[in-house]
Amino acid sequence: MSTRIPVKILCVQYLPNADPALCRSLGVESDWRCLGLLSTDSDDATYIALDQATKDSTVHVSYARSLYAGAGNASTPLAGEVVGILSGPTPSEVRSGMESALDLLRSGEVGFQSTTAKPDLVYLACTVSRTGSYLSKEAGIPEGQPLAYLIAPPVEAMTALDAALKASDVELVKLYGPPTETNFGGGLLTGSQSACNAACEAFSAAVEEIAQHPIKEE
């Protein structure tokens, strides 16, 4: 059985009235100068959690970036693997959105999984049943669409992504070509919720198979 890896929440800060110049430089939309800042040790799980915040509160994801080489090579104790910034019209809305994101991360429902054969080989296969504004924009799809969020190391990702696309009626809407900032790869697929679930299952099975048999001999 694969094991879900808990996400470590490293740093959470709030700016109730951020400087206008800083907001403009970060790409904050409109005049929403209330910000919430987050770092964790898991980038893709955090992107899913930030998207959840946009569904549960009046906030935008104004900035979200993975850090180079991943959490295992973080340059400082609180940097982790990702920085995410929420913006909103009031401090209470931003706090509400941030708490929604943190609740999802703490729940253990999203995150990378270790393979059975090689515990240090990890991947993420998650169905987002209804996208918020952030992942909808990333994928170029209408809000509320189901999405299969699939990430793995480079060869595993491309091989398993092919299996996912062939397993169900889904469409590849965004490819994360390897190497990403964290030296992984993957993609976002959309379709019905059942199709996205099937894609995630096929992706997971393909990664597990590669973990057991990394050298494929014809």
Protein backbone atom coordinates (compact mmCIF):
# COMPACT_ATOMS: atom_id res chain seq x y z
CA MET A 1 0.00 0.00 0.00
CA SER A 2 1.23 3.48 -0.82
CA THR A 3 1.43 5.99 2.01
CA ARG A 4 0.18 9.59 1.92
CA ILE A 5 2.92 12.00 3.00
CA PRO A 6 1.73 14.70 5.44
CA VAL A 7 2.24 18.31 4.36
CA LYS A 8 4.30 20.45 6.75
CA ILE A 9 2.95 23.98 7.11
CA LEU A 10 6.05 26.07 7.67
CA CYS A 11 5.04 29.73 7.75
CA VAL A 12 1.78 31.73 7.69
CA GLN A 13 1.76 35.53 7.80
CA TYR A 14 -0.83 38.28 7.18
CA LEU A 15 -0.54 41.80 5.79
CA PRO A 16 -3.85 43.59 6.50
CA ASN A 17 -2.85 46.66 4.47
CA ALA A 18 0.04 45.83 2.16
CA ASP A 19 1.95 48.60 0.43
CA PRO A 20 0.44 49.45 -2.99
CA ALA A 21 3.80 49.14 -4.75
CA LEU A 22 4.28 45.65 -3.33
CA CYS A 23 0.76 44.66 -4.39
CA ARG A 24 1.31 45.90 -7.94
CA SER A 25 4.61 44.03 -8.20
CA LEU A 26 3.00 40.81 -6.98
CA GLY A 27 0.17 41.11 -9.48
CA VAL A 28 -2.54 41.66 -6.89
CA GLU A 29 -5.84 42.27 -8.67
CA SER A 30 -7.98 45.40 -8.10
CA ASP A 31 -7.39 47.19 -4.81
CA TRP A 32 -7.37 44.10 -2.60
CA ARG A 33 -4.44 45.00 -0.36
CA CYS A 34 -5.14 42.44 2.37
CA LEU A 35 -2.71 39.56 1.92
CA GLY A 36 -2.07 36.15 3.43
CA LEU A 37 1.28 34.45 2.84
CA LEU A 38 2.00 30.74 3.15
CA SER A 39 4.93 28.37 2.77
CA THR A 40 4.89 24.57 3.02
CA ASP A 41 7.08 21.64 2.05
CA SER A 42 4.73 20.44 -0.73
CA ASP A 43 4.03 22.66 -3.72
CA ASP A 44 1.29 20.84 -5.63
CA ALA A 45 -0.73 19.98 -2.54
CA THR A 46 -0.53 23.66 -1.60
CA TYR A 47 -1.76 24.78 -5.03
CA ILE A 48 -4.81 22.55 -4.57
CA ALA A 49 -5.36 23.99 -1.09
CA LEU A 50 -5.03 27.57 -2.36
CA ASP A 51 -7.64 26.79 -4.99
CA GLN A 52 -9.92 25.54 -2.21
CA ALA A 53 -9.55 28.92 -0.52
CA THR A 54 -11.02 30.63 -3.59
CA LYS A 55 -14.11 28.42 -3.34
CA ASP A 56 -14.70 29.04 0.35
CA SER A 57 -13.91 32.75 0.65
CA THR A 58 -13.73 35.95 -1.39
CA VAL A 59 -10.02 35.73 -2.22
CA HIS A 60 -7.72 35.45 -5.22
CA VAL A 61 -4.47 33.52 -5.50
CA SER A 62 -2.30 36.47 -6.43
CA TYR A 63 1.06 34.71 -6.34
CA ALA A 64 2.10 31.05 -6.23
CA ARG A 65 5.55 29.74 -7.09
CA SER A 66 7.53 26.56 -6.48
CA LEU A 67 11.05 26.94 -5.15
CA TYR A 68 13.98 25.45 -7.00
CA ALA A 69 15.05 21.87 -6.25
CA GLY A 70 12.28 21.23 -3.73
CA ALA A 71 11.82 21.14 0.03
CA GLY A 72 14.77 18.80 0.56
CA ASN A 73 17.06 21.52 -0.71
CA ALA A 74 15.38 24.53 0.89
CA SER A 75 17.85 27.31 1.67
CA THR A 76 16.22 28.34 4.96
CA PRO A 77 14.12 26.56 7.63
CA LEU A 78 10.79 28.17 6.68
CA ALA A 79 11.15 28.40 2.90
CA GLY A 80 10.03 24.87 2.09
CA GLU A 81 9.01 24.16 -1.49
CA VAL A 82 6.42 26.81 -2.31
CA VAL A 83 5.21 30.31 -1.55
CA GLY A 84 1.55 31.20 -1.98
CA ILE A 85 -0.13 34.57 -1.50
CA LEU A 86 -3.87 35.13 -1.14
CA SER A 87 -5.40 38.59 -1.58
CA GLY A 88 -8.84 39.72 -0.50
CA PRO A 89 -11.00 42.77 0.18
CA THR A 90 -10.81 42.47 3.99
CA PRO A 91 -8.48 40.86 6.54
CA SER A 92 -11.31 38.56 7.66
CA GLU A 93 -11.88 37.23 4.14
CA VAL A 94 -8.16 36.52 3.74
CA ARG A 95 -7.99 34.76 7.10
CA SER A 96 -11.06 32.73 6.22
CA GLY A 97 -9.55 31.70 2.89
CA MET A 98 -6.21 30.84 4.49
CA GLU A 99 -7.89 28.74 7.17
CA SER A 100 -9.73 26.84 4.45
CA ALA A 101 -6.43 26.10 2.70
CA LEU A 102 -4.75 25.09 5.96
CA ASP A 103 -7.67 22.85 6.95
CA LEU A 104 -7.37 20.95 3.67
CA LEU A 105 -3.62 20.53 4.06
CA ARG A 106 -3.99 19.35 7.66
CA SER A 107 -6.76 16.90 6.75
CA GLY A 108 -4.40 14.65 4.83
CA GLU A 109 -6.81 14.48 1.91
CA VAL A 110 -4.30 15.96 -0.54
CA GLY A 111 -0.60 15.30 -0.84
CA PHE A 112 2.08 13.18 -2.40
CA GLN A 113 2.14 9.43 -1.94
CA SER A 114 5.09 7.10 -1.65
CA THR A 115 5.15 4.02 -3.86
CA THR A 116 5.00 0.59 -2.31
CA ALA A 117 8.21 -0.67 -3.92
CA LYS A 118 10.27 2.48 -3.38
CA PRO A 119 9.11 4.72 -0.51
CA ASP A 120 11.36 7.56 -1.67
CA LEU A 121 9.67 7.57 -5.11
CA VAL A 122 6.64 9.82 -4.66
CA TYR A 123 3.78 11.06 -6.81
CA LEU A 124 0.51 12.98 -6.59
CA ALA A 125 -2.75 11.87 -8.19
CA CYS A 126 -5.71 13.92 -7.01
CA THR A 127 -9.19 14.55 -8.39
CA VAL A 128 -10.39 18.08 -7.73
CA SER A 129 -14.15 17.59 -8.02
CA ARG A 130 -14.87 21.29 -8.61
CA THR A 131 -12.19 23.81 -9.51
CA GLY A 132 -12.01 27.27 -8.00
CA SER A 133 -10.74 30.39 -9.72
CA TYR A 134 -7.04 29.55 -9.36
CA LEU A 135 -6.87 26.07 -10.89
CA SER A 136 -9.50 27.01 -13.47
CA LYS A 137 -7.22 29.79 -14.69
CA GLU A 138 -4.18 27.51 -14.63
CA ALA A 139 -5.99 24.87 -16.68
CA GLY A 140 -7.87 27.28 -18.95
CA ILE A 141 -11.25 25.78 -18.08
CA PRO A 142 -14.50 27.20 -16.63
CA GLU A 143 -14.80 27.32 -12.85
CA GLY A 144 -16.47 24.30 -11.33
CA GLN A 145 -15.04 21.70 -13.73
CA PRO A 146 -13.54 18.45 -12.41
CA LEU A 147 -9.77 18.15 -12.74
CA ALA A 148 -7.24 15.35 -12.40
CA TYR A 149 -4.02 16.78 -10.95
CA LEU A 150 -1.14 14.40 -11.76
CA ILE A 151 2.52 14.83 -10.78
CA ALA A 152 5.52 12.46 -10.58
CA PRO A 153 9.24 12.35 -11.33
CA PRO A 154 10.06 12.99 -15.03
CA VAL A 155 10.02 9.57 -16.73
CA GLU A 156 7.34 8.25 -14.40
CA ALA A 157 5.19 11.33 -15.02
CA MET A 158 5.23 11.17 -18.81
CA THR A 159 4.70 7.39 -18.91
CA ALA A 160 1.89 7.49 -16.36
CA LEU A 161 0.30 10.54 -17.99
CA ASP A 162 0.03 8.56 -21.22
CA ALA A 163 -1.68 5.76 -19.31
CA ALA A 164 -4.09 8.21 -17.67
CA LEU A 165 -5.08 9.77 -20.98
CA LYS A 166 -5.75 6.35 -22.50
CA ALA A 167 -7.69 5.05 -19.52
CA SER A 168 -10.68 7.40 -19.64
CA ASP A 169 -12.41 10.19 -21.53
CA VAL A 170 -10.27 13.08 -20.33
CA GLU A 171 -8.51 15.99 -22.02
CA LEU A 172 -4.99 17.20 -21.29
CA VAL A 173 -5.38 20.93 -20.61
CA LYS A 174 -1.96 21.69 -19.13
CA LEU A 175 1.35 19.85 -19.34
CA TYR A 176 4.05 20.36 -16.73
CA GLY A 177 6.98 19.32 -18.89
CA PRO A 178 9.97 18.01 -16.96
CA PRO A 179 11.89 19.31 -15.28
CA THR A 180 9.72 21.62 -13.22
CA GLU A 181 11.36 23.79 -10.55
CA THR A 182 11.27 20.74 -8.28
CA ASN A 183 12.49 18.37 -11.03
CA PHE A 184 9.13 16.65 -11.48
CA GLY A 185 6.56 16.68 -14.29
CA GLY A 186 2.90 15.96 -14.92
CA GLY A 187 -0.29 17.57 -16.08
CA LEU A 188 -3.86 18.67 -15.52
CA LEU A 189 -6.64 16.63 -17.14
CA THR A 190 -10.33 17.49 -17.28
CA GLY A 191 -13.47 15.47 -17.91
CA SER A 192 -16.31 14.11 -15.80
CA GLN A 193 -15.54 13.41 -12.16
CA SER A 194 -15.65 9.66 -12.79
CA ALA A 195 -13.30 10.04 -15.76
CA CYS A 196 -10.88 12.09 -13.67
CA ASN A 197 -11.01 9.44 -10.94
CA ALA A 198 -10.21 6.75 -13.51
CA ALA A 199 -7.32 8.84 -14.86
CA CYS A 200 -5.90 9.21 -11.34
CA GLU A 201 -6.15 5.47 -10.77
CA ALA A 202 -4.39 4.70 -14.05
CA PHE A 203 -1.68 7.24 -13.31
CA SER A 204 -1.09 5.79 -9.84
CA ALA A 205 -0.97 2.23 -11.16
CA ALA A 206 1.55 3.20 -13.84
CA VAL A 207 3.86 4.92 -11.35
CA GLU A 208 3.64 1.94 -9.00
CA GLU A 209 4.51 -0.38 -11.89
CA ILE A 210 7.56 1.68 -12.81
CA ALA A 211 8.69 1.69 -9.17
CA GLN A 212 8.66 -2.11 -9.23
CA HIS A 213 10.19 -2.45 -12.72
CA PRO A 214 12.18 0.69 -13.59
CA ILE A 215 14.03 -0.97 -16.48
CA LYS A 216 11.54 -2.18 -19.06
CA GLU A 217 12.95 -4.85 -21.31
CA GLU A 218 11.03 -5.79 -24.47
